[in-house]
Amino acid sequence: MGQYLPIFALLVLAVLFATISAVASRVLAPRRETRSKVAPYESGIVPGREPPQRFGVRFYLVAMIFIVFDIEIIFLYPWAMAHTDSGSSAWWPWSSSARRSSSRSCTSSPRASSNGAR
């Protein structure tokens, strides 16, 4: 139970900090309401017209696909850096070197022979 004490203390501090920050902003913030603050935009600029047309669903689908592949690359890069010593067989499974290396047994690889008992 003692090993979880630092985690519990950090959790209590986080909740305490969030509560104190919220209360302080309510107490110390100015509350003068003006016509420009009550307007649709806080800066007071009322839109003169509606936008000419809405974006299509296709635009949002392409944007979401871009984000998914962008995040996928972020997670793929460290994996690729960890497997740089595997050669072309890791990247091109249909290459001739991959077929040749898959036909060998595990014991004939240089790593298996160097990791043996001494």
Protein backbone atom coordinates (compact mmCIF):
# COMPACT_ATOMS: atom_id res chain seq x y z
CA MET A 1 0.00 0.00 0.00
CA GLY A 2 2.91 2.33 0.72
CA GLN A 3 4.12 2.04 -2.85
CA TYR A 4 0.93 3.75 -4.07
CA LEU A 5 1.25 6.70 -1.69
CA PRO A 6 3.14 8.97 -4.15
CA ILE A 7 0.53 8.32 -6.84
CA PHE A 8 -2.30 9.08 -4.42
CA ALA A 9 -0.54 12.26 -3.26
CA LEU A 10 -0.08 13.40 -6.88
CA LEU A 11 -3.75 12.73 -7.58
CA VAL A 12 -4.81 14.74 -4.53
CA LEU A 13 -2.52 17.62 -5.54
CA ALA A 14 -3.90 17.62 -9.10
CA VAL A 15 -7.52 17.75 -7.91
CA LEU A 16 -6.64 20.41 -5.34
CA PHE A 17 -4.86 22.55 -7.94
CA ALA A 18 -7.78 22.28 -10.38
CA THR A 19 -10.29 23.20 -7.69
CA ILE A 20 -8.27 26.16 -6.42
CA SER A 21 -7.74 27.44 -9.98
CA ALA A 22 -11.46 27.24 -10.81
CA VAL A 23 -12.49 28.98 -7.56
CA ALA A 24 -9.84 31.69 -7.96
CA SER A 25 -10.94 32.46 -11.52
CA ARG A 26 -14.58 32.78 -10.39
CA VAL A 27 -13.71 35.02 -7.45
CA LEU A 28 -11.06 37.24 -9.07
CA ALA A 29 -12.43 37.60 -12.61
CA PRO A 30 -14.17 40.90 -13.51
CA ARG A 31 -17.90 40.58 -14.19
CA ARG A 32 -18.78 43.70 -16.19
CA GLU A 33 -21.13 42.81 -19.01
CA THR A 34 -21.10 45.20 -21.94
CA ARG A 35 -23.06 45.12 -25.16
CA SER A 36 -20.03 43.90 -27.11
CA LYS A 37 -19.42 41.05 -24.67
CA VAL A 38 -23.01 39.85 -24.91
CA ALA A 39 -22.89 40.00 -28.74
CA PRO A 40 -22.45 36.78 -30.77
CA TYR A 41 -18.67 37.27 -30.83
CA GLU A 42 -16.80 38.58 -27.81
CA SER A 43 -14.79 40.98 -29.97
CA GLY A 44 -18.02 42.71 -31.00
CA ILE A 45 -17.79 41.88 -34.69
CA VAL A 46 -21.19 40.72 -35.89
CA PRO A 47 -21.03 38.64 -39.08
CA GLY A 48 -22.38 40.60 -42.07
CA ARG A 49 -23.47 37.57 -44.09
CA GLU A 50 -23.54 33.81 -44.00
CA PRO A 51 -20.74 31.82 -45.62
CA PRO A 52 -21.35 31.16 -49.32
CA GLN A 53 -21.59 27.36 -49.00
CA ARG A 54 -20.94 24.59 -46.55
CA PHE A 55 -18.04 22.21 -46.80
CA GLY A 56 -19.01 18.82 -48.19
CA VAL A 57 -18.76 15.57 -46.27
CA ARG A 58 -16.00 14.45 -48.60
CA PHE A 59 -13.75 17.24 -47.30
CA TYR A 60 -14.12 16.02 -43.73
CA LEU A 61 -13.54 12.39 -44.71
CA VAL A 62 -10.28 13.27 -46.47
CA ALA A 63 -9.22 15.35 -43.46
CA MET A 64 -9.91 12.47 -41.05
CA ILE A 65 -8.04 9.99 -43.24
CA PHE A 66 -5.08 12.38 -43.36
CA ILE A 67 -5.07 12.65 -39.56
CA VAL A 68 -5.28 8.86 -39.14
CA PHE A 69 -2.32 8.26 -41.47
CA ASP A 70 -0.38 11.10 -39.89
CA ILE A 71 -0.77 9.55 -36.44
CA GLU A 72 0.05 6.12 -37.86
CA ILE A 73 3.36 7.44 -39.20
CA ILE A 74 4.20 8.86 -35.77
CA PHE A 75 3.89 5.38 -34.27
CA LEU A 76 5.53 3.61 -37.23
CA TYR A 77 8.75 5.65 -37.14
CA PRO A 78 10.06 4.37 -33.76
CA TRP A 79 9.21 0.81 -34.81
CA ALA A 80 11.17 1.30 -38.04
CA MET A 81 14.16 2.67 -36.15
CA ALA A 82 14.12 -0.34 -33.82
CA HIS A 83 14.16 -2.73 -36.79
CA THR A 84 16.80 -1.10 -38.99
CA ASP A 85 19.12 -4.11 -38.74
CA SER A 86 16.59 -6.51 -40.26
CA GLY A 87 17.41 -5.48 -43.83
CA SER A 88 15.12 -5.43 -46.84
CA SER A 89 13.16 -8.50 -45.79
CA ALA A 90 11.31 -6.46 -43.18
CA TRP A 91 10.23 -3.85 -45.71
CA TRP A 92 9.68 -5.92 -48.85
CA PRO A 93 8.34 -9.37 -47.94
CA TRP A 94 8.04 -10.35 -51.59
CA SER A 95 11.73 -9.66 -52.34
CA SER A 96 14.11 -12.45 -53.21
CA SER A 97 16.20 -11.92 -50.05
CA ALA A 98 13.13 -12.53 -47.89
CA ARG A 99 12.41 -15.79 -49.66
CA ARG A 100 15.99 -16.92 -49.29
CA SER A 101 16.14 -16.01 -45.59
CA SER A 102 12.83 -17.73 -44.81
CA SER A 103 14.12 -21.03 -46.21
CA ARG A 104 17.04 -21.08 -43.73
CA SER A 105 16.63 -22.57 -40.31
CA CYS A 106 16.87 -20.51 -37.13
CA THR A 107 20.17 -22.04 -36.04
CA SER A 108 22.00 -20.97 -39.20
CA SER A 109 21.53 -17.26 -38.57
CA PRO A 110 24.53 -15.29 -37.24
CA ARG A 111 22.57 -14.08 -34.23
CA ALA A 112 21.59 -17.58 -33.11
CA SER A 113 25.17 -18.83 -33.29
CA SER A 114 26.60 -15.83 -31.41
CA ASN A 115 24.03 -16.03 -28.63
CA GLY A 116 24.75 -19.65 -27.78
CA ALA A 117 26.05 -20.97 -24.47
CA ARG A 118 29.75 -20.36 -23.77
